[in-house]
Protein backbone atom coordinates (compact mmCIF):
# COMPACT_ATOMS: atom_id res chain seq x y z
CA UNK A 1 -100.36 10.07 -108.57
CA UNK A 2 -102.13 10.30 -111.96
CA UNK A 3 -103.58 13.61 -113.07
CA UNK A 4 -107.30 13.94 -113.84
CA UNK A 5 -106.85 16.96 -116.11
CA UNK A 6 -107.43 16.64 -119.84
CA UNK A 7 -104.17 15.70 -121.56
CA UNK A 8 -104.85 17.95 -124.53
CA UNK A 9 -105.48 20.86 -122.17
CA UNK A 10 -102.22 20.17 -120.31
CA UNK A 11 -100.18 20.34 -123.53
CA UNK A 12 -102.23 23.26 -124.86
CA UNK A 13 -103.18 21.57 -128.15
CA UNK A 14 -106.45 20.77 -129.90
CA UNK A 15 -107.81 17.23 -130.01
CA UNK A 16 -107.06 17.08 -133.71
CA UNK A 17 -103.43 18.20 -133.24
CA UNK A 18 -100.78 16.46 -135.33
CA UNK A 19 -97.95 14.42 -133.80
CA UNK A 20 -95.52 17.22 -134.67
CA UNK A 21 -97.69 19.83 -132.92
CA UNK A 22 -97.88 17.65 -129.81
CA UNK A 23 -94.13 17.10 -129.79
CA UNK A 24 -93.39 20.80 -130.29
CA UNK A 25 -95.75 21.84 -127.48
CA UNK A 26 -94.28 19.18 -125.14
CA UNK A 27 -90.71 20.35 -125.71
CA UNK A 28 -91.64 23.96 -125.07
CA UNK A 29 -93.56 23.19 -121.85
CA UNK A 30 -90.96 20.71 -120.57
CA UNK A 31 -88.24 23.31 -120.91
CA UNK A 32 -90.42 25.91 -119.17
CA UNK A 33 -91.46 23.71 -116.20
CA UNK A 34 -88.38 21.51 -115.67
CA UNK A 35 -87.58 21.61 -111.91
CA UNK A 36 -83.92 22.36 -112.68
CA UNK A 37 -84.96 25.53 -114.51
CA UNK A 38 -88.22 26.60 -112.84
CA UNK A 39 -87.91 27.13 -109.08
CA UNK A 40 -91.62 27.71 -108.38
CA UNK A 41 -93.41 25.38 -105.97
CA UNK A 42 -95.74 24.02 -108.67
CA UNK A 43 -92.96 23.21 -111.18
CA UNK A 44 -92.56 19.58 -110.08
CA UNK A 45 -96.31 18.83 -110.35
CA UNK A 46 -96.66 20.60 -113.70
CA UNK A 47 -93.61 18.81 -115.11
CA UNK A 48 -95.04 15.41 -114.13
CA UNK A 49 -98.40 16.30 -115.72
CA UNK A 50 -96.71 17.38 -118.96
CA UNK A 51 -94.69 14.16 -119.16
CA UNK A 52 -97.71 12.01 -118.36
CA UNK A 53 -99.81 13.70 -121.06
CA UNK A 54 -97.07 13.35 -123.66
CA UNK A 55 -96.50 9.66 -122.91
CA UNK A 56 -100.13 9.00 -123.81
CA UNK A 57 -100.70 11.40 -126.72
CA UNK A 58 -97.40 10.59 -128.45
CA UNK A 59 -98.38 6.91 -128.74
CA UNK A 60 -101.02 6.43 -131.50
CA UNK A 61 -102.70 3.42 -129.88
CA UNK A 62 -102.77 4.87 -126.39
CA UNK A 63 -104.01 8.18 -127.77
CA UNK A 64 -106.83 6.34 -129.54
CA UNK A 65 -107.74 4.58 -126.31
CA UNK A 66 -107.71 7.91 -124.45
CA UNK A 67 -109.91 9.54 -127.10
CA UNK A 68 -112.41 6.69 -126.78
CA UNK A 69 -112.48 6.07 -123.04
CA UNK A 70 -110.69 9.02 -121.40
CA UNK A 71 -108.36 8.29 -118.47
CA UNK A 72 -109.95 4.88 -117.96
CA UNK A 73 -108.75 3.89 -121.41
CA UNK A 74 -105.12 4.23 -120.40
CA UNK A 75 -105.41 2.85 -116.89
CA UNK A 76 -104.88 6.24 -115.25
CA UNK A 77 -101.62 6.58 -117.22
CA UNK A 78 -99.83 8.17 -114.32
CA UNK A 79 -99.96 5.18 -112.00
CA UNK A 80 -96.36 4.33 -111.27
CA UNK A 81 -95.24 7.07 -113.64
CA UNK A 82 -91.73 8.42 -113.29
CA UNK A 83 -91.07 11.69 -115.17
CA UNK A 84 -87.35 10.92 -115.28
CA UNK A 85 -87.43 7.31 -116.39
CA UNK A 86 -90.79 6.32 -117.88
CA UNK A 87 -93.22 4.05 -116.12
CA UNK A 88 -92.25 2.25 -112.95
CA UNK A 89 -95.33 0.05 -112.87
CA UNK A 90 -97.27 -1.62 -115.68
CA UNK A 91 -96.22 -0.29 -119.08
CA UNK A 92 -97.47 -0.56 -122.63
CA UNK A 93 -101.17 -1.20 -123.11
CA UNK A 94 -102.14 -2.62 -119.74
CA UNK A 95 -105.10 -0.28 -119.16
CA UNK A 96 -106.40 -0.64 -122.72
CA UNK A 97 -106.09 -4.40 -122.56
CA UNK A 98 -108.00 -4.51 -119.27
CA UNK A 99 -110.95 -2.75 -120.88
CA UNK A 100 -111.11 -5.36 -123.64
CA UNK A 101 -110.67 -8.11 -121.06
CA UNK A 102 -113.58 -6.72 -119.06
CA UNK A 103 -116.00 -6.36 -121.99
CA UNK A 104 -114.93 -9.14 -124.34
CA UNK A 105 -113.38 -11.72 -122.01
CA UNK A 106 -109.87 -11.79 -123.43
CA UNK A 107 -106.79 -9.80 -124.35
CA UNK A 108 -107.22 -7.20 -127.09
CA UNK A 109 -105.39 -8.32 -130.21
CA UNK A 110 -102.96 -10.39 -128.16
CA UNK A 111 -102.00 -7.44 -125.99
CA UNK A 112 -101.66 -9.40 -122.77
CA UNK A 113 -99.86 -8.13 -119.70
CA UNK A 114 -96.14 -8.66 -119.44
CA UNK A 115 -94.40 -10.20 -116.47
CA UNK A 116 -93.49 -7.77 -113.76
CA UNK A 117 -89.81 -6.95 -113.85
CA UNK A 118 -88.42 -6.25 -110.36
CA UNK A 119 -86.98 -2.77 -110.05
CA UNK A 120 -84.35 -1.62 -107.58
CA UNK A 121 -84.92 1.34 -105.32
CA UNK A 122 -83.77 4.83 -106.28
CA UNK A 123 -81.10 6.28 -103.99
CA UNK A 124 -80.21 9.83 -102.95
CA UNK A 125 -76.73 11.17 -102.22
CA UNK A 126 -76.19 14.66 -100.75
CA UNK A 127 -73.08 16.24 -102.29
CA UNK A 128 -71.44 19.29 -100.69
CA UNK A 129 -69.92 21.80 -103.12
CA UNK A 130 -68.02 25.03 -102.71
CA UNK A 131 -69.27 28.14 -104.48
CA UNK A 132 -66.33 27.97 -106.91
CA UNK A 133 -67.11 24.31 -107.76
CA UNK A 134 -70.71 25.19 -108.57
CA UNK A 135 -69.54 27.92 -110.94
CA UNK A 136 -66.69 26.11 -112.68
CA UNK A 137 -67.86 22.49 -112.44
CA UNK A 138 -65.89 19.68 -110.85
CA UNK A 139 -65.16 15.95 -110.77
CA UNK A 140 -66.13 14.47 -107.40
CA UNK A 141 -65.55 11.02 -105.93
CA UNK A 142 -68.45 9.72 -103.84
CA UNK A 143 -68.73 6.66 -101.62
CA UNK A 144 -71.89 5.01 -100.36
CA UNK A 145 -73.26 1.65 -99.27
CA UNK A 146 -76.07 0.00 -101.24
CA UNK A 147 -77.48 -3.35 -102.26
CA UNK A 148 -75.50 -4.60 -105.28
CA UNK A 149 -75.82 -7.66 -107.50
CA UNK A 150 -74.59 -10.86 -105.88
CA UNK A 151 -71.45 -12.02 -107.67
CA UNK A 152 -71.88 -15.61 -106.58
CA UNK A 153 -75.17 -16.19 -108.39
CA UNK A 154 -74.85 -13.23 -110.80
CA UNK A 155 -78.05 -11.77 -109.36
CA UNK A 156 -80.31 -14.72 -110.15
CA UNK A 157 -80.75 -15.71 -106.50
CA UNK A 158 -80.15 -19.38 -107.39
CA UNK A 159 -77.22 -21.44 -106.16
CA UNK A 160 -74.51 -21.77 -108.88
CA UNK A 161 -75.26 -24.83 -111.01
CA UNK A 162 -79.03 -24.38 -110.64
CA UNK A 163 -81.54 -22.16 -112.40
CA UNK A 164 -84.82 -20.51 -111.35
CA UNK A 165 -87.83 -22.52 -112.48
CA UNK A 166 -91.17 -21.43 -113.88
CA UNK A 167 -93.78 -20.68 -111.26
CA UNK A 168 -96.34 -23.49 -111.28
CA UNK A 169 -99.07 -21.37 -109.75
CA UNK A 170 -99.24 -18.72 -112.51
CA UNK A 171 -97.53 -20.71 -115.28
CA UNK A 172 -94.81 -18.09 -115.62
CA UNK A 173 -97.16 -15.18 -116.42
CA UNK A 174 -96.74 -13.56 -113.01
CA UNK A 175 -100.51 -13.05 -112.81
CA UNK A 176 -103.54 -14.85 -111.51
CA UNK A 177 -106.79 -14.39 -113.43
CA UNK A 178 -110.27 -15.03 -112.08
CA UNK A 179 -113.07 -15.06 -114.70
CA UNK A 180 -116.74 -14.57 -113.91
CA UNK A 181 -119.73 -14.20 -116.19
CA UNK A 182 -122.05 -11.21 -116.09
CA UNK A 183 -124.83 -9.84 -118.30
CA UNK A 184 -122.13 -7.77 -120.05
CA UNK A 185 -119.97 -10.78 -120.75
CA UNK A 186 -116.97 -12.19 -118.98
CA UNK A 187 -115.25 -10.05 -116.36
CA UNK A 188 -111.59 -10.91 -115.76
CA UNK A 189 -110.03 -9.97 -112.43
CA UNK A 190 -106.22 -9.91 -112.67
CA UNK A 191 -103.97 -9.98 -109.58
CA UNK A 192 -100.24 -10.43 -109.02
CA UNK A 193 -99.19 -13.99 -108.31
CA UNK A 194 -98.72 -14.31 -104.56
CA UNK A 195 -96.11 -17.05 -104.95
CA UNK A 196 -93.59 -15.55 -107.40
CA UNK A 197 -94.63 -11.92 -106.74
CA UNK A 198 -95.12 -11.23 -110.44
CA UNK A 199 -91.75 -12.47 -111.71
CA UNK A 200 -93.02 -15.77 -113.10
CA UNK A 201 -89.96 -17.56 -111.67
CA UNK A 202 -89.18 -19.42 -108.45
CA UNK A 203 -85.82 -20.15 -106.84
CA UNK A 204 -85.87 -23.70 -105.47
CA UNK A 205 -82.20 -23.75 -104.37
CA UNK A 206 -81.35 -20.29 -103.00
CA UNK A 207 -77.81 -18.92 -103.27
CA UNK A 208 -75.96 -19.32 -99.97
CA UNK A 209 -74.36 -15.86 -100.28
CA UNK A 210 -77.46 -13.74 -100.86
CA UNK A 211 -80.05 -16.27 -99.59
CA UNK A 212 -82.03 -16.14 -102.81
CA UNK A 213 -82.39 -12.37 -103.03
CA UNK A 214 -79.76 -11.88 -105.74
CA UNK A 215 -78.31 -8.89 -103.86
CA UNK A 216 -75.73 -8.22 -101.16
CA UNK A 217 -74.80 -5.01 -99.36
CA UNK A 218 -71.59 -3.50 -100.71
CA UNK A 219 -69.64 -0.25 -100.48
CA UNK A 220 -69.50 1.53 -103.83
CA UNK A 221 -67.30 4.27 -105.30
CA UNK A 222 -68.43 6.50 -108.17
CA UNK A 223 -66.99 9.49 -110.00
CA UNK A 224 -69.55 12.24 -110.55
CA UNK A 225 -69.17 15.01 -113.13
CA UNK A 226 -70.62 18.23 -111.70
CA UNK A 227 -71.65 20.60 -114.53
CA UNK A 228 -70.64 24.27 -114.42
CA UNK A 229 -73.52 26.43 -113.22
CA UNK A 230 -75.22 23.89 -110.96
CA UNK A 231 -77.26 25.50 -108.20
CA UNK A 232 -78.20 24.53 -104.68
CA UNK A 233 -80.88 21.81 -104.71
CA UNK A 234 -80.23 20.68 -108.29
CA UNK A 235 -80.12 16.93 -108.90
CA UNK A 236 -77.80 14.86 -111.07
CA UNK A 237 -79.37 11.57 -112.15
CA UNK A 238 -77.09 8.58 -112.61
CA UNK A 239 -79.22 6.00 -114.40
CA UNK A 240 -78.85 2.44 -113.18
CA UNK A 241 -76.54 3.39 -110.30
CA UNK A 242 -79.16 2.93 -107.57
CA UNK A 243 -79.95 -0.26 -105.68
CA UNK A 244 -79.81 -3.53 -107.56
CA UNK A 245 -83.17 -5.22 -108.13
CA UNK A 246 -84.01 -8.61 -106.64
CA UNK A 247 -83.10 -11.58 -108.86
CA UNK A 248 -81.60 -9.73 -111.79
CA UNK A 249 -84.23 -7.05 -112.32
CA UNK A 250 -83.70 -3.45 -113.43
CA UNK A 251 -81.49 -1.42 -111.05
CA UNK A 252 -82.76 1.89 -109.69
CA UNK A 253 -81.24 5.32 -110.25
CA UNK A 254 -78.96 7.38 -108.07
CA UNK A 255 -79.87 11.04 -107.58
CA UNK A 256 -77.00 13.25 -106.45
CA UNK A 257 -78.40 16.37 -104.79
CA UNK A 258 -76.12 19.42 -104.80
CA UNK A 259 -75.69 21.54 -101.68
CA UNK A 260 -73.73 24.68 -102.57
CA UNK A 261 -71.98 26.76 -99.90
CA UNK A 262 -72.94 30.44 -99.94
CA UNK A 263 -70.48 33.10 -101.10
CA UNK A 264 -69.48 35.55 -98.35
CA UNK A 265 -70.28 38.61 -100.49
CA UNK A 266 -72.24 37.55 -103.57
CA UNK A 267 -75.91 36.63 -103.68
CA UNK A 268 -77.00 34.26 -106.45
CA UNK A 269 -80.32 34.17 -108.28
CA UNK A 270 -80.30 31.62 -111.11
CA UNK A 271 -77.45 32.75 -113.39
CA UNK A 272 -77.30 36.29 -111.98
CA UNK A 273 -75.02 37.45 -109.14
CA UNK A 274 -75.67 40.48 -106.92
CA UNK A 275 -73.11 42.45 -104.92
CA UNK A 276 -73.82 45.36 -102.58
CA UNK A 277 -71.05 47.96 -102.92
CA UNK A 278 -70.67 50.49 -100.14
CA UNK A 279 -69.07 53.82 -101.12
CA UNK A 280 -68.11 56.83 -99.04
CA UNK A 281 -69.58 60.22 -100.01
CA UNK A 282 -66.21 61.28 -101.40
CA UNK A 283 -65.89 58.14 -103.55
CA UNK A 284 -69.40 58.65 -104.88
CA UNK A 285 -68.81 62.36 -105.56
CA UNK A 286 -65.27 62.21 -106.95
CA UNK A 287 -65.24 58.74 -108.48
CA UNK A 288 -62.94 55.85 -107.57
CA UNK A 289 -61.57 52.48 -108.62
CA UNK A 290 -62.79 49.64 -106.42
CA UNK A 291 -62.40 45.84 -106.37
CA UNK A 292 -65.60 43.86 -106.93
CA UNK A 293 -66.01 40.04 -106.58
CA UNK A 294 -67.34 38.09 -109.59
CA UNK A 295 -67.83 34.41 -110.39
CA UNK A 296 -64.18 34.20 -111.54
CA UNK A 297 -62.55 36.30 -108.83
CA UNK A 298 -62.17 40.01 -108.14
CA UNK A 299 -62.22 42.69 -110.84
CA UNK A 300 -61.45 46.40 -110.79
CA UNK A 301 -64.48 48.59 -111.47
CA UNK A 302 -64.28 52.33 -112.16
CA UNK A 303 -66.87 54.37 -110.29
CA UNK A 304 -67.95 57.47 -112.20
CA UNK A 305 -67.94 60.83 -110.38
CA UNK A 306 -71.40 61.71 -109.12
CA UNK A 307 -72.60 58.14 -108.71
CA UNK A 308 -75.85 58.13 -106.74
CA UNK A 309 -77.03 55.77 -104.02
CA UNK A 310 -79.26 53.06 -105.48
CA UNK A 311 -77.40 53.02 -108.80
CA UNK A 312 -76.67 49.68 -110.48
CA UNK A 313 -73.49 48.81 -112.33
CA UNK A 314 -73.81 45.71 -114.51
CA UNK A 315 -70.82 43.55 -115.39
CA UNK A 316 -72.05 41.55 -118.37
CA UNK A 317 -70.95 37.96 -118.78
CA UNK A 318 -69.30 37.82 -115.34
CA UNK A 319 -72.04 35.77 -113.68
CA UNK A 320 -72.91 32.07 -113.57
CA UNK A 321 -72.64 29.80 -116.65
CA UNK A 322 -75.97 28.66 -118.07
CA UNK A 323 -76.54 24.93 -117.60
CA UNK A 324 -78.10 24.31 -121.00
CA UNK A 325 -76.57 27.03 -123.16
CA UNK A 326 -72.89 26.53 -123.78
CA UNK A 327 -70.88 29.73 -123.63
CA UNK A 328 -73.73 31.79 -122.14
CA UNK A 329 -73.26 33.39 -118.72
CA UNK A 330 -75.28 35.66 -116.50
CA UNK A 331 -74.26 39.10 -115.23
CA UNK A 332 -72.96 40.58 -111.99
CA UNK A 333 -75.18 43.36 -110.65
CA UNK A 334 -73.29 45.85 -108.47
CA UNK A 335 -75.81 47.70 -106.26
CA UNK A 336 -74.39 51.00 -104.98
CA UNK A 337 -74.95 52.25 -101.44
CA UNK A 338 -73.44 55.56 -100.26
CA UNK A 339 -72.32 55.71 -96.63
CA UNK A 340 -72.95 58.97 -94.78
CA UNK A 341 -70.64 59.34 -91.74
CA UNK A 342 -72.41 59.44 -88.40
CA UNK A 343 -69.46 60.98 -86.51
CA UNK A 344 -67.13 63.72 -87.74
CA UNK A 345 -63.92 65.17 -86.38
CA UNK A 346 -63.63 68.93 -86.08
CA UNK A 347 -61.51 69.05 -89.23
CA UNK A 348 -63.95 66.92 -91.20
CA UNK A 349 -66.87 69.08 -90.09
CA UNK A 350 -64.95 72.22 -91.05
CA UNK A 351 -64.18 70.88 -94.52
CA UNK A 352 -67.78 69.81 -95.11
CA UNK A 353 -69.04 73.20 -93.96
CA UNK A 354 -66.70 74.82 -96.44
CA UNK A 355 -68.09 72.58 -99.16
CA UNK A 356 -71.62 73.48 -98.12
CA UNK A 357 -70.72 77.16 -98.31
CA UNK A 358 -69.25 76.68 -101.80
CA UNK A 359 -72.49 75.00 -102.85
CA UNK A 360 -74.59 77.82 -101.35
CA UNK A 361 -76.00 75.75 -98.52
CA UNK A 362 -74.39 77.48 -95.46
CA UNK A 363 -76.80 78.99 -92.90
CA UNK A 364 -74.92 78.95 -89.59
CA UNK A 365 -75.58 81.36 -86.69
CA UNK A 366 -72.94 83.36 -84.81
CA UNK A 367 -72.39 80.62 -82.22
CA UNK A 368 -71.43 78.12 -84.90
CA UNK A 369 -74.59 76.07 -84.57
CA UNK A 370 -77.04 75.65 -87.34
CA UNK A 371 -80.47 77.09 -86.61
CA UNK A 372 -81.95 73.91 -88.00
CA UNK A 373 -80.72 71.56 -85.23
CA UNK A 374 -83.39 69.24 -83.80
CA UNK A 375 -86.83 68.22 -85.01
CA UNK A 376 -88.11 71.78 -85.37
CA UNK A 377 -85.12 72.69 -87.49
CA UNK A 378 -85.65 69.66 -89.67
CA UNK A 379 -89.23 70.74 -90.25
CA UNK A 380 -88.06 74.28 -91.16
CA UNK A 381 -85.53 72.85 -93.59
CA UNK A 382 -88.24 70.75 -95.19
CA UNK A 383 -90.44 73.84 -95.64
CA UNK A 384 -87.49 75.74 -97.06
CA UNK A 385 -86.79 72.90 -99.44
CA UNK A 386 -90.36 72.96 -100.67
CA UNK A 387 -90.13 76.71 -101.24
CA UNK A 388 -86.89 76.33 -103.20
CA UNK A 389 -88.35 73.50 -105.28
CA UNK A 390 -85.26 71.27 -104.93
CA UNK A 391 -84.05 68.50 -102.63
CA UNK A 392 -82.05 69.04 -99.40
CA UNK A 393 -78.40 70.02 -99.84
CA UNK A 394 -75.36 68.09 -98.67
CA UNK A 395 -75.17 70.09 -95.46
CA UNK A 396 -78.80 69.28 -94.59
CA UNK A 397 -78.34 65.56 -95.23
CA UNK A 398 -75.17 65.42 -93.12
CA UNK A 399 -76.75 67.39 -90.28
CA UNK A 400 -79.75 65.05 -90.18
CA UNK A 401 -77.51 61.95 -90.19
CA UNK A 402 -75.24 63.22 -87.41
CA UNK A 403 -77.82 64.82 -85.10
């Protein structure tokens, strides 16, 4: 659907902007809002608007028509617009020519409409990938069934030995024009020829294999190159690999949609990977060497003594390759969580109580129970903490977790 916003406003340039300024602004915005890069819900709409605006303002004659007549001067511009492959409907100066037809009764400077070229349908193929394939890239063989060009008639739809003939109803133009006079001049109403459907040609002797359509259903095999760093939902466009068009028209495109299996331990966000590392209190206090998964397999990471819960350890360049920047990779973010045991053996309790005593946090009674057991004790410990001006000690945290 065509946008009604001002094209200059969409590209963020003044009406007197030079061609170079328009091109520079388009490139910047297209990179920012490309659906493969920007995952926001409005990215697809914004990207189509940016492309539509650039298609008009980058063409001197269409830009002049837009400056004179606004969106009407370019026939809505976005009608049949495809941000990946140009215009799927009428191209060139159709809208501008219609204005001159309407006011002056003829084509502007010879800019008549071109015959409609049949276009094949775009196809979608859902491709399943492992996490490793999405990181490293892969070559995949795909198989699908689609309408392909008839080999008997070479896509013309006519029986071998015969040729399509010019449509006698429209004279080969693919259009029917009705002219009427008004006080403003001649008004020309243009419609698609109902006999040849805009192609300007008719098949009098249809091919016996495809029955005049120029296409037959066939199983196809393609080899797809999956780039390193592709993410779930990304699309790979294979131009011209979609359905064949009727009677030798332009084939559609094939869009391969990636579906990436999740990693059992890593969480991906664009080119960054996140891993939640769980440490025991002794590992966090004394330090340790642990194995951490990355995009290329496991690596040994040294944990510094005294590492706190909530800390982040960043492994630079161990994340996902960037799709458009060769040699650039994201990072792995190791998020530290410290496990506090909920059950202790007698020996473990004894050792921790000794540690608490060494740290000046012991306050047991004669019966071996801490006076701070229960909710009331927790409140007293909180008041004592506030009086001391420091956080709860290791003994207090363990008591609260176990009780």
